[in-house]
């Protein structure tokens, strides 16, 4: 099993922005943002519960493989 690494400051900010896009009603846009940056498989376990909840919706989009979101993830 691959060891998970902590998010860089940039990754943390970027994935938080994607969670905000999902919170504003567009999880598909958030998935496109993450996918275009090559960030579709980040470990999000260090994020807060609200962001994780939004990213669970993003993770349902095609190609998303975010981990550390809880609920069987």
Protein backbone atom coordinates (compact mmCIF):
# COMPACT_ATOMS: atom_id res chain seq x y z
CA UNK A 1 0.00 0.00 0.00
CA UNK A 2 1.34 3.43 -0.97
CA UNK A 3 2.10 5.78 1.91
CA UNK A 4 0.01 8.93 1.77
CA UNK A 5 1.78 12.26 1.94
CA UNK A 6 0.56 15.52 3.42
CA UNK A 7 -0.83 18.13 1.08
CA UNK A 8 1.46 20.99 0.11
CA UNK A 9 0.19 24.48 0.87
CA UNK A 10 -0.71 24.88 -2.81
CA UNK A 11 -2.58 21.55 -2.95
CA UNK A 12 -4.42 22.37 0.27
CA UNK A 13 -5.55 25.72 -1.11
CA UNK A 14 -6.46 24.27 -4.49
CA UNK A 15 -8.54 21.41 -3.12
CA UNK A 16 -10.23 23.84 -0.70
CA UNK A 17 -11.13 26.04 -3.69
CA UNK A 18 -12.55 22.97 -5.44
CA UNK A 19 -14.64 22.19 -2.35
CA UNK A 20 -15.94 25.76 -2.44
CA UNK A 21 -16.91 25.35 -6.11
CA UNK A 22 -18.85 22.23 -5.15
CA UNK A 23 -20.46 24.06 -2.23
CA UNK A 24 -21.60 26.76 -4.67
CA UNK A 25 -23.42 24.06 -6.62
CA UNK A 26 -21.04 22.71 -9.23
CA UNK A 27 -19.21 19.51 -8.22
CA UNK A 28 -18.50 18.85 -11.91
CA UNK A 29 -16.55 22.13 -12.19
CA UNK A 30 -14.62 21.18 -9.06
CA UNK A 31 -13.76 17.79 -10.59
CA UNK A 32 -12.60 19.47 -13.80
CA UNK A 33 -10.42 21.87 -11.78
CA UNK A 34 -8.78 19.02 -9.89
CA UNK A 35 -8.44 16.84 -12.98
CA UNK A 36 -6.82 19.54 -15.09
CA UNK A 37 -4.26 20.11 -12.33
CA UNK A 38 -3.53 16.38 -12.01
CA UNK A 39 -4.92 16.45 -8.48
CA UNK A 40 -7.72 13.92 -8.82
CA UNK A 41 -6.16 11.41 -6.39
CA UNK A 42 -5.14 13.51 -3.38
CA UNK A 43 -5.39 12.40 0.25
CA UNK A 44 -7.84 14.90 1.76
CA UNK A 45 -7.82 13.54 5.31
CA UNK A 46 -6.35 16.75 6.76
CA UNK A 47 -9.22 18.93 5.50
CA UNK A 48 -12.13 20.00 7.68
CA UNK A 49 -15.42 18.08 7.77
CA UNK A 50 -17.34 20.62 5.67
CA UNK A 51 -14.80 20.48 2.83
CA UNK A 52 -14.72 16.68 3.00
CA UNK A 53 -18.50 16.56 2.70
CA UNK A 54 -18.39 18.69 -0.46
CA UNK A 55 -15.50 16.69 -1.89
CA UNK A 56 -17.53 13.49 -1.48
CA UNK A 57 -19.84 14.94 -4.16
CA UNK A 58 -16.83 15.80 -6.31
CA UNK A 59 -15.49 12.28 -5.86
CA UNK A 60 -18.64 10.91 -7.53
CA UNK A 61 -17.62 12.59 -10.79
CA UNK A 62 -15.83 10.49 -13.44
CA UNK A 63 -12.09 10.13 -12.90
CA UNK A 64 -12.03 11.32 -9.30
CA UNK A 65 -10.12 9.17 -6.79
CA UNK A 66 -9.82 11.43 -3.76
CA UNK A 67 -9.09 9.62 -0.50
CA UNK A 68 -9.43 10.49 3.18
CA UNK A 69 -12.99 11.76 2.88
CA UNK A 70 -14.60 9.32 5.32
CA UNK A 71 -17.65 7.17 4.63
CA UNK A 72 -15.80 4.18 3.13
CA UNK A 73 -13.13 6.30 1.54
